[in-house]
C-alpha atoms as a PDB file:
ATOM      1  CA  MET A   1      37.576  -9.625 -10.908  1.00  0.00           C
ATOM      2  CA  LYS A   2      33.800  -9.315 -10.907  1.00  0.00           C
ATOM      3  CA  ASN A   3      31.968 -11.477  -8.404  1.00  0.00           C
ATOM      4  CA  THR A   4      28.252 -12.004  -8.948  1.00  0.00           C
ATOM      5  CA  TYR A   5      27.611 -12.484  -5.227  1.00  0.00           C
ATOM      6  CA  VAL A   6      28.856  -9.047  -4.130  1.00  0.00           C
ATOM      7  CA  THR A   7      25.335  -7.607  -4.099  1.00  0.00           C
ATOM      8  CA  GLY A   8      23.724 -10.649  -2.460  1.00  0.00           C
ATOM      9  CA  TYR A   9      23.518  -9.020   0.963  1.00  0.00           C
ATOM     10  CA  LEU A  10      21.807  -5.800  -0.223  1.00  0.00           C
ATOM     11  CA  PRO A  11      18.205  -7.063   0.061  1.00  0.00           C
ATOM     12  CA  LEU A  12      18.805  -8.116   3.669  1.00  0.00           C
ATOM     13  CA  ILE A  13      20.261  -4.708   4.530  1.00  0.00           C
ATOM     14  CA  ALA A  14      17.321  -2.960   2.833  1.00  0.00           C
ATOM     15  CA  ILE A  15      14.811  -5.096   4.736  1.00  0.00           C
ATOM     16  CA  ILE A  16      16.591  -4.364   8.026  1.00  0.00           C
ATOM     17  CA  LEU A  17      16.676  -0.606   7.328  1.00  0.00           C
ATOM     18  CA  TYR A  18      12.993  -0.445   6.407  1.00  0.00           C
ATOM     19  CA  SER A  19      12.068  -2.662   9.370  1.00  0.00           C
ATOM     20  CA  MET A  20      13.946  -0.355  11.721  1.00  0.00           C
ATOM     21  CA  ALA A  21      12.299   2.770  10.294  1.00  0.00           C
ATOM     22  CA  PHE A  22       8.778   1.374  10.451  1.00  0.00           C
ATOM     23  CA  GLY A  23       9.546  -0.244  13.830  1.00  0.00           C
ATOM     24  CA  ILE A  24      10.582   3.098  15.326  1.00  0.00           C
ATOM     25  CA  TYR A  25       7.392   4.698  14.034  1.00  0.00           C
ATOM     26  CA  ALA A  26       5.230   1.841  15.350  1.00  0.00           C
ATOM     27  CA  GLU A  27       6.955   1.949  18.745  1.00  0.00           C
ATOM     28  CA  THR A  28       6.229   5.663  19.186  1.00  0.00           C
ATOM     29  CA  GLU A  29       2.616   5.200  18.094  1.00  0.00           C
ATOM     30  CA  ILE A  30       2.072   2.260  20.450  1.00  0.00           C
ATOM     31  CA  ILE A  31       3.535   4.235  23.345  1.00  0.00           C
ATOM     32  CA  ARG A  32       1.304   7.176  22.433  1.00  0.00           C
ATOM     33  CA  LEU A  33      -1.749   4.890  22.476  1.00  0.00           C
ATOM     34  CA  LEU A  34      -0.699   3.287  25.763  1.00  0.00           C
ATOM     35  CA  LYS A  35      -0.381   6.735  27.329  1.00  0.00           C
ATOM     36  CA  LYS A  36      -3.744   7.770  25.882  1.00  0.00           C
ATOM     37  CA  PHE A  37      -5.471   4.744  27.427  1.00  0.00           C
ATOM     38  CA  GLY A  38      -3.613   5.181  30.717  1.00  0.00           C
ATOM     39  CA  LEU A  39      -1.785   1.857  30.537  1.00  0.00           C
ATOM     40  CA  TYR A  40       1.737   3.221  30.187  1.00  0.00           C
ATOM     41  CA  SER A  41       2.043   4.487  33.754  1.00  0.00           C
ATOM     42  CA  GLY A  42       0.948   1.094  35.052  1.00  0.00           C
ATOM     43  CA  MET A  43       3.523  -0.646  32.889  1.00  0.00           C
ATOM     44  CA  LEU A  44       6.231   1.639  34.280  1.00  0.00           C
ATOM     45  CA  GLU A  45       5.623   0.140  37.733  1.00  0.00           C
ATOM     46  CA  PHE A  46       6.842  -3.244  36.507  1.00  0.00           C
ATOM     47  CA  PHE A  47       9.250  -2.380  33.681  1.00  0.00           C
ATOM     48  CA  SER A  48      11.739   0.371  32.996  1.00  0.00           C
ATOM     49  CA  GLU A  49      10.938   2.966  30.351  1.00  0.00           C
ATOM     50  CA  ASN A  50      13.875   1.875  28.210  1.00  0.00           C
ATOM     51  CA  GLY A  51      12.844  -1.765  28.587  1.00  0.00           C
ATOM     52  CA  ILE A  52       9.336  -1.015  27.340  1.00  0.00           C
ATOM     53  CA  LYS A  53      10.630   1.035  24.401  1.00  0.00           C
ATOM     54  CA  LEU A  54      13.225  -1.556  23.447  1.00  0.00           C
ATOM     55  CA  THR A  55      10.731  -4.416  23.630  1.00  0.00           C
ATOM     56  CA  LEU A  56       8.131  -2.572  21.560  1.00  0.00           C
ATOM     57  CA  PHE A  57      10.775  -1.556  19.006  1.00  0.00           C
ATOM     58  CA  PHE A  58      12.053  -5.127  18.736  1.00  0.00           C
ATOM     59  CA  LEU A  59       8.583  -6.629  18.318  1.00  0.00           C
ATOM     60  CA  ALA A  60       7.447  -4.002  15.791  1.00  0.00           C
ATOM     61  CA  SER A  61      10.684  -4.314  13.823  1.00  0.00           C
ATOM     62  CA  LEU A  62      10.360  -8.089  13.822  1.00  0.00           C
ATOM     63  CA  LEU A  63       6.821  -7.882  12.439  1.00  0.00           C
ATOM     64  CA  PHE A  64       7.911  -5.459   9.721  1.00  0.00           C
ATOM     65  CA  PHE A  65      10.940  -7.654   8.962  1.00  0.00           C
ATOM     66  CA  MET A  66       8.615 -10.599   8.378  1.00  0.00           C
ATOM     67  CA  PHE A  67       6.313  -8.432   6.237  1.00  0.00           C
ATOM     68  CA  PHE A  68       9.102  -7.086   4.019  1.00  0.00           C
ATOM     69  CA  SER A  69      10.734 -10.525   3.776  1.00  0.00           C
ATOM     70  CA  ALA A  70       7.447 -11.984   2.570  1.00  0.00           C
ATOM     71  CA  LEU A  71       7.095  -9.193  -0.005  1.00  0.00           C
ATOM     72  CA  LYS A  72      10.678  -9.864  -1.176  1.00  0.00           C
ATOM     73  CA  LEU A  73       9.956 -13.565  -1.532  1.00  0.00           C
ATOM     74  CA  ILE A  74       6.786 -12.918  -3.514  1.00  0.00           C
ATOM     75  CA  ALA A  75       8.487 -10.296  -5.706  1.00  0.00           C
ATOM     76  CA  ASP A  76      11.436 -12.582  -6.480  1.00  0.00           C
ATOM     77  CA  THR A  77       9.070 -15.393  -7.373  1.00  0.00           C
ATOM     78  CA  MET A  78       7.062 -13.115  -9.688  1.00  0.00           C
ATOM     79  CA  ILE A  79      10.227 -11.806 -11.354  1.00  0.00           C
ATOM     80  CA  GLN A  80      11.535 -15.291 -12.034  1.00  0.00           C
ATOM     81  CA  LEU A  81       8.120 -16.508 -13.155  1.00  0.00           C
ATOM     82  CA  SER A  82       7.787 -13.608 -15.580  1.00  0.00           C
ATOM     83  CA  MET A  83      11.280 -14.320 -16.897  1.00  0.00           C
ATOM     84  CA  LEU A  84      10.274 -17.948 -17.405  1.00  0.00           C
ATOM     85  CA  PHE A  85       7.160 -16.991 -19.349  1.00  0.00           C
ATOM     86  CA  PHE A  86       8.408 -14.056 -21.411  1.00  0.00           C
ATOM     87  CA  SER A  87      12.224 -13.949 -21.634  1.00  0.00           C
ATOM     88  CA  LYS A  88      14.468 -15.506 -24.241  1.00  0.00           C
ATOM     89  CA  ASP A  89      17.301 -15.636 -21.684  1.00  0.00           C
ATOM     90  CA  ARG A  90      17.575 -19.281 -20.641  1.00  0.00           C
ATOM     91  CA  GLN A  91      20.866 -18.987 -18.725  1.00  0.00           C
ATOM     92  CA  GLY A  92      19.758 -16.426 -16.132  1.00  0.00           C
ATOM     93  CA  ALA A  93      22.252 -13.743 -17.123  1.00  0.00           C
ATOM     94  CA  VAL A  94      19.558 -11.071 -16.783  1.00  0.00           C
ATOM     95  CA  LEU A  95      18.923 -12.053 -13.166  1.00  0.00           C
ATOM     96  CA  ASN A  96      22.574 -11.312 -12.386  1.00  0.00           C
ATOM     97  CA  GLU A  97      22.252  -7.903 -14.050  1.00  0.00           C
ATOM     98  CA  ILE A  98      19.164  -6.850 -12.093  1.00  0.00           C
ATOM     99  CA  ARG A  99      20.643  -7.739  -8.691  1.00  0.00           C
ATOM    100  CA  PHE A 100      22.278  -4.317  -8.550  1.00  0.00           C
ATOM    101  CA  GLY A 101      18.771  -2.810  -8.367  1.00  0.00           C
ATOM    102  CA  SER A 102      18.666  -3.787  -4.690  1.00  0.00           C
ATOM    103  CA  LEU A 103      20.852  -0.748  -4.096  1.00  0.00           C
ATOM    104  CA  PHE A 104      17.737   1.382  -4.751  1.00  0.00           C
ATOM    105  CA  TYR A 105      16.079  -0.172  -1.726  1.00  0.00           C
ATOM    106  CA  VAL A 106      19.173   0.186   0.470  1.00  0.00           C
ATOM    107  CA  LEU A 107      19.436   3.894  -0.317  1.00  0.00           C
ATOM    108  CA  SER A 108      15.728   4.499   0.220  1.00  0.00           C
ATOM    109  CA  GLY A 109      15.881   2.439   3.431  1.00  0.00           C
ATOM    110  CA  MET A 110      18.582   4.795   4.700  1.00  0.00           C
ATOM    111  CA  LEU A 111      16.436   7.740   3.662  1.00  0.00           C
ATOM    112  CA  SER A 112      13.412   6.282   5.455  1.00  0.00           C
ATOM    113  CA  LEU A 113      15.371   6.373   8.708  1.00  0.00           C
ATOM    114  CA  LEU A 114      15.411  10.161   8.366  1.00  0.00           C
ATOM    115  CA  PHE A 115      11.610  10.278   8.181  1.00  0.00           C
ATOM    116  CA  VAL A 116      10.653   7.902  11.009  1.00  0.00           C
ATOM    117  CA  ASN A 117       8.092  10.381  12.325  1.00  0.00           C
ATOM    118  CA  ASP A 118       6.121  10.580   9.082  1.00  0.00           C
ATOM    119  CA  ILE A 119       4.523   7.325   7.954  1.00  0.00           C
ATOM    120  CA  VAL A 120       3.200   8.838   4.734  1.00  0.00           C
ATOM    121  CA  VAL A 121       6.689   9.850   3.606  1.00  0.00           C
ATOM    122  CA  MET A 122       8.061   6.383   4.417  1.00  0.00           C
ATOM    123  CA  VAL A 123       5.281   4.614   2.501  1.00  0.00           C
ATOM    124  CA  VAL A 124       5.595   6.971  -0.482  1.00  0.00           C
ATOM    125  CA  LEU A 125       9.363   6.493  -0.432  1.00  0.00           C
ATOM    126  CA  PHE A 126       8.921   2.708  -0.489  1.00  0.00           C
ATOM    127  CA  LEU A 127       6.382   2.883  -3.335  1.00  0.00           C
ATOM    128  CA  VAL A 128       8.505   5.283  -5.411  1.00  0.00           C
ATOM    129  CA  THR A 129      11.531   3.033  -4.897  1.00  0.00           C
ATOM    130  CA  THR A 130       9.490   0.026  -5.970  1.00  0.00           C
ATOM    131  CA  LEU A 131       8.413   1.856  -9.123  1.00  0.00           C
ATOM    132  CA  ALA A 132      12.025   2.894  -9.829  1.00  0.00           C
ATOM    133  CA  TYR A 133      13.170  -0.716  -9.348  1.00  0.00           C
ATOM    134  CA  PHE A 134      10.450  -1.949 -11.708  1.00  0.00           C
ATOM    135  CA  ILE A 135      11.537   0.551 -14.373  1.00  0.00           C
ATOM    136  CA  TYR A 136      15.159  -0.550 -13.844  1.00  0.00           C
ATOM    137  CA  PHE A 137      14.063  -4.197 -14.135  1.00  0.00           C
ATOM    138  CA  VAL A 138      12.195  -3.567 -17.391  1.00  0.00           C
ATOM    139  CA  TYR A 139      15.132  -1.557 -18.775  1.00  0.00           C
ATOM    140  CA  LYS A 140      17.622  -4.337 -17.982  1.00  0.00           C
ATOM    141  CA  THR A 141      15.420  -7.122 -19.356  1.00  0.00           C
ATOM    142  CA  TYR A 142      13.937  -5.550 -22.484  1.00  0.00           C
ATOM    143  CA  SER A 143      16.866  -6.730 -24.642  1.00  0.00           C
ATOM    144  CA  THR A 144      15.951 -10.371 -23.960  1.00  0.00           C
ATOM    145  CA  LEU A 145      12.253  -9.851 -24.651  1.00  0.00           C
ATOM    146  CA  PRO A 146      10.293  -9.585 -27.862  1.00  0.00           C
ATOM    147  CA  LEU A 147       7.769  -6.721 -27.918  1.00  0.00           C
ATOM    148  CA  THR A 148       4.910  -9.055 -27.013  1.00  0.00           C
ATOM    149  CA  GLY A 149       7.017 -10.487 -24.181  1.00  0.00           C
ATOM    150  CA  LEU A 150       7.755  -7.012 -22.838  1.00  0.00           C
ATOM    151  CA  VAL A 151       4.082  -6.065 -22.872  1.00  0.00           C
ATOM    152  CA  GLY A 152       3.171  -9.436 -21.377  1.00  0.00           C
ATOM    153  CA  MET A 153       5.731  -9.133 -18.597  1.00  0.00           C
ATOM    154  CA  VAL A 154       4.647  -5.610 -17.640  1.00  0.00           C
ATOM    155  CA  PHE A 155       0.986  -6.637 -17.716  1.00  0.00           C
ATOM    156  CA  PHE A 156       1.802  -9.781 -15.710  1.00  0.00           C
ATOM    157  CA  HIS A 157       3.427  -7.787 -12.908  1.00  0.00           C
ATOM    158  CA  VAL A 158       0.830  -5.019 -12.857  1.00  0.00           C
ATOM    159  CA  ALA A 159      -2.051  -7.501 -12.906  1.00  0.00           C
ATOM    160  CA  PHE A 160      -0.533  -9.674 -10.187  1.00  0.00           C
ATOM    161  CA  TRP A 161       0.238  -6.833  -7.776  1.00  0.00           C
ATOM    162  CA  PHE A 162      -3.134  -5.200  -8.421  1.00  0.00           C
ATOM    163  CA  ALA A 163      -4.950  -8.481  -7.731  1.00  0.00           C
ATOM    164  CA  PHE A 164      -2.757  -9.128  -4.692  1.00  0.00           C
ATOM    165  CA  MET A 165      -3.502  -5.725  -3.155  1.00  0.00           C
ATOM    166  CA  LEU A 166      -7.186  -5.948  -4.059  1.00  0.00           C
ATOM    167  CA  THR A 167      -7.407  -9.334  -2.339  1.00  0.00           C
ATOM    168  CA  ILE A 168      -5.767  -7.966   0.807  1.00  0.00           C
ATOM    169  CA  VAL A 169      -8.145  -4.986   0.888  1.00  0.00           C
ATOM    170  CA  TYR A 170     -11.136  -7.296   0.323  1.00  0.00           C
ATOM    171  CA  VAL A 171     -10.083  -9.650   3.123  1.00  0.00           C
ATOM    172  CA  CYS A 172      -9.521  -6.726   5.505  1.00  0.00           C
ATOM    173  CA  ILE A 173     -12.958  -5.286   4.720  1.00  0.00           C
ATOM    174  CA  LYS A 174     -14.603  -8.695   5.201  1.00  0.00           C
ATOM    175  CA  LEU A 175     -12.756  -9.154   8.486  1.00  0.00           C
ATOM    176  CA  TYR A 176     -13.759  -5.677   9.669  1.00  0.00           C
ATOM    177  CA  ASN A 177     -17.417  -6.220   8.723  1.00  0.00           C
ATOM    178  CA  GLY A 178     -17.406  -9.602  10.437  1.00  0.00           C
ATOM    179  CA  PHE A 179     -15.993  -8.016  13.572  1.00  0.00           C
ATOM    180  CA  LEU A 180     -18.651  -5.289  13.533  1.00  0.00           C
ATOM    181  CA  GLU A 181     -21.449  -7.834  13.051  1.00  0.00           C
ATOM    182  CA  SER A 182     -20.206  -9.883  16.013  1.00  0.00           C
ATOM    183  CA  LEU A 183     -20.396  -6.926  18.403  1.00  0.00           C
ATOM    184  CA  PRO A 184     -23.406  -7.104  20.725  1.00  0.00           C
ATOM    185  CA  LEU A 185     -25.066  -3.772  19.977  1.00  0.00           C
END
Protein backbone atom coordinates (compact mmCIF):
# COMPACT_ATOMS: atom_id res chain seq x y z
CA MET A 1 0.00 0.00 0.00
CA LYS A 2 1.46 3.33 -1.07
CA ASN A 3 0.91 6.21 1.32
CA THR A 4 1.43 9.72 -0.03
CA TYR A 5 2.41 11.06 3.40
CA VAL A 6 5.44 8.80 3.90
CA THR A 7 7.84 11.48 2.65
CA GLY A 8 6.16 14.35 4.51
CA TYR A 9 8.79 14.46 7.24
CA LEU A 10 11.82 14.63 4.89
CA PRO A 11 11.91 18.43 4.53
CA LEU A 12 11.95 18.85 8.31
CA ILE A 13 14.82 16.37 8.65
CA ALA A 14 16.75 18.13 5.87
CA ILE A 15 16.24 21.52 7.51
CA ILE A 16 17.41 20.13 10.87
CA LEU A 17 20.51 18.53 9.31
CA TYR A 18 21.51 21.69 7.45
CA SER A 19 20.78 23.83 10.52
CA MET A 20 23.01 21.62 12.63
CA ALA A 21 25.86 21.72 10.10
CA PHE A 22 25.76 25.48 9.67
CA GLY A 23 25.17 25.92 13.42
CA ILE A 24 28.32 23.95 14.26
CA TYR A 25 30.33 26.06 11.82
CA ALA A 26 28.88 29.31 13.19
CA GLU A 27 29.54 28.23 16.78
CA THR A 28 33.22 27.56 16.09
CA GLU A 29 33.59 30.86 14.24
CA ILE A 30 31.90 32.84 17.02
CA ILE A 31 34.14 31.21 19.61
CA ARG A 32 37.17 31.99 17.45
CA LEU A 33 36.10 35.65 17.26
CA LEU A 34 35.40 35.81 20.99
CA LYS A 35 38.89 34.46 21.69
CA LYS A 36 40.40 36.92 19.20
CA PHE A 37 38.74 39.88 20.94
CA GLY A 38 39.61 38.53 24.39
CA LEU A 39 36.02 38.09 25.52
CA TYR A 40 36.02 34.30 25.78
CA SER A 41 38.21 34.10 28.87
CA GLY A 42 35.94 36.58 30.63
CA MET A 43 32.88 34.55 29.72
CA LEU A 44 34.53 31.44 31.16
CA GLU A 45 34.50 33.10 34.59
CA PHE A 46 30.70 33.07 34.61
CA PHE A 47 29.80 30.10 32.39
CA SER A 48 31.25 26.68 31.72
CA GLU A 49 32.96 26.02 28.40
CA ASN A 50 30.37 23.42 27.44
CA GLY A 51 27.57 25.79 28.42
CA ILE A 52 28.93 28.52 26.16
CA LYS A 53 29.41 26.10 23.25
CA LEU A 54 25.97 24.56 23.68
CA THR A 55 24.26 27.95 23.90
CA LEU A 56 26.05 29.30 20.83
CA PHE A 57 25.30 26.10 18.89
CA PHE A 58 21.62 26.24 19.86
CA LEU A 59 21.23 29.91 18.93
CA ALA A 60 23.11 29.56 15.63
CA SER A 61 21.18 26.42 14.72
CA LEU A 62 17.91 28.13 15.56
CA LEU A 63 18.76 31.07 13.29
CA PHE A 64 19.70 28.74 10.45
CA PHE A 65 16.54 26.68 11.07
CA MET A 66 14.45 29.82 10.65
CA PHE A 67 16.41 30.77 7.51
CA PHE A 68 16.02 27.37 5.84
CA SER A 69 12.36 27.14 6.89
CA ALA A 70 11.70 30.50 5.27
CA LEU A 71 13.46 29.37 2.08
CA LYS A 72 11.36 26.17 2.09
CA LEU A 73 8.17 28.17 2.49
CA ILE A 74 9.10 30.51 -0.35
CA ALA A 75 10.20 27.62 -2.60
CA ASP A 76 6.98 25.67 -1.98
CA THR A 77 4.92 28.75 -2.74
CA MET A 78 6.83 29.36 -5.99
CA ILE A 79 6.47 25.72 -7.04
CA GLN A 80 2.73 25.73 -6.47
CA LEU A 81 2.35 29.13 -8.11
CA SER A 82 4.25 27.97 -11.17
CA MET A 83 2.10 24.84 -11.31
CA LEU A 84 -0.99 27.05 -11.15
CA PHE A 85 0.21 29.22 -14.02
CA PHE A 86 1.77 26.66 -16.34
CA SER A 87 0.60 23.10 -15.58
CA LYS A 88 -2.34 21.23 -17.04
CA ASP A 89 -2.51 19.09 -13.88
CA ARG A 90 -5.52 20.38 -11.93
CA GLN A 91 -5.66 17.56 -9.35
CA GLY A 92 -2.19 18.01 -7.86
CA ALA A 93 -0.89 14.57 -8.79
CA VAL A 94 2.44 16.08 -9.84
CA LEU A 95 2.94 17.59 -6.39
CA ASN A 96 2.71 14.10 -4.89
CA GLU A 97 5.31 12.85 -7.37
CA ILE A 98 7.86 15.58 -6.61
CA ARG A 99 7.70 15.09 -2.83
CA PHE A 100 10.29 12.33 -3.12
CA GLY A 101 12.79 15.00 -4.24
CA SER A 102 13.15 16.03 -0.60
CA LEU A 103 15.37 12.99 -0.22
CA PHE A 104 18.03 14.92 -2.17
CA TYR A 105 18.15 17.50 0.60
CA VAL A 106 18.21 14.88 3.37
CA LEU A 107 21.18 13.12 1.79
CA SER A 108 23.06 16.36 1.17
CA GLY A 109 22.21 17.50 4.71
CA MET A 110 23.88 14.34 6.02
CA LEU A 111 26.84 15.03 3.76
CA SER A 112 27.07 18.62 5.01
CA LEU A 113 27.60 17.31 8.53
CA LEU A 114 30.85 15.79 7.29
CA PHE A 115 32.09 19.19 6.09
CA VAL A 116 31.18 21.40 9.06
CA ASN A 117 34.62 23.01 9.01
CA ASP A 118 34.37 24.22 5.42
CA ILE A 119 31.60 26.73 4.75
CA VAL A 120 32.32 26.87 1.03
CA VAL A 121 31.76 23.12 0.64
CA MET A 122 28.50 23.31 2.61
CA VAL A 123 27.17 26.21 0.53
CA VAL A 124 28.21 24.57 -2.75
CA LEU A 125 26.62 21.32 -1.60
CA PHE A 126 23.36 23.14 -0.83
CA LEU A 127 23.39 24.95 -4.20
CA VAL A 128 24.19 21.78 -6.17
CA THR A 129 21.40 19.94 -4.34
CA THR A 130 19.01 22.77 -5.13
CA LEU A 131 19.96 22.57 -8.81
CA ALA A 132 19.52 18.78 -8.78
CA TYR A 133 16.10 19.17 -7.14
CA PHE A 134 15.08 21.74 -9.75
CA ILE A 135 16.11 19.39 -12.57
CA TYR A 136 14.17 16.58 -10.85
CA PHE A 137 11.16 18.91 -10.51
CA VAL A 138 11.25 19.87 -14.19
CA TYR A 139 11.68 16.22 -15.21
CA LYS A 140 8.67 15.12 -13.13
CA THR A 141 6.43 17.96 -14.30
CA TYR A 142 7.28 18.23 -18.00
CA SER A 143 4.61 15.67 -18.95
CA THR A 144 1.87 17.98 -17.65
CA LEU A 145 3.27 21.05 -19.40
CA PRO A 146 3.08 22.24 -22.97
CA LEU A 147 6.41 23.46 -24.39
CA THR A 148 5.51 27.09 -23.72
CA GLY A 149 4.49 26.15 -20.17
CA LEU A 150 7.80 24.37 -19.59
CA VAL A 151 9.78 27.36 -20.81
CA GLY A 152 7.54 29.70 -18.82
CA MET A 153 7.91 27.68 -15.63
CA VAL A 154 11.71 27.49 -15.90
CA PHE A 155 11.91 31.21 -16.67
CA PHE A 156 9.50 31.97 -13.81
CA HIS A 157 11.68 30.17 -11.26
CA VAL A 158 14.98 31.50 -12.58
CA ALA A 159 13.65 35.06 -12.77
CA PHE A 160 12.12 34.92 -9.30
CA TRP A 161 15.20 33.52 -7.55
CA PHE A 162 17.50 35.89 -9.44
CA ALA A 163 15.36 38.89 -8.46
CA PHE A 164 15.09 37.61 -4.89
CA MET A 165 18.86 37.24 -4.49
CA LEU A 166 19.52 40.55 -6.24
CA THR A 167 17.12 42.30 -3.86
CA ILE A 168 18.85 40.78 -0.83
CA VAL A 169 22.28 41.84 -2.12
CA TYR A 170 20.97 45.35 -2.86
CA VAL A 171 19.45 45.71 0.61
CA CYS A 172 22.66 44.47 2.26
CA ILE A 173 24.76 46.94 0.27
CA LYS A 174 22.39 49.80 1.13
CA LEU A 175 22.47 48.80 4.79
CA TYR A 176 26.27 48.59 4.78
CA ASN A 177 26.62 51.99 3.07
CA GLY A 178 24.16 53.52 5.51
CA PHE A 179 26.15 52.13 8.41
CA LEU A 180 29.40 53.52 7.00
CA GLU A 181 27.85 56.96 6.45
CA SER A 182 26.59 57.06 10.05
CA LEU A 183 30.07 56.49 11.49
CA PRO A 184 31.60 59.67 12.92
CA LEU A 185 34.85 59.81 10.96
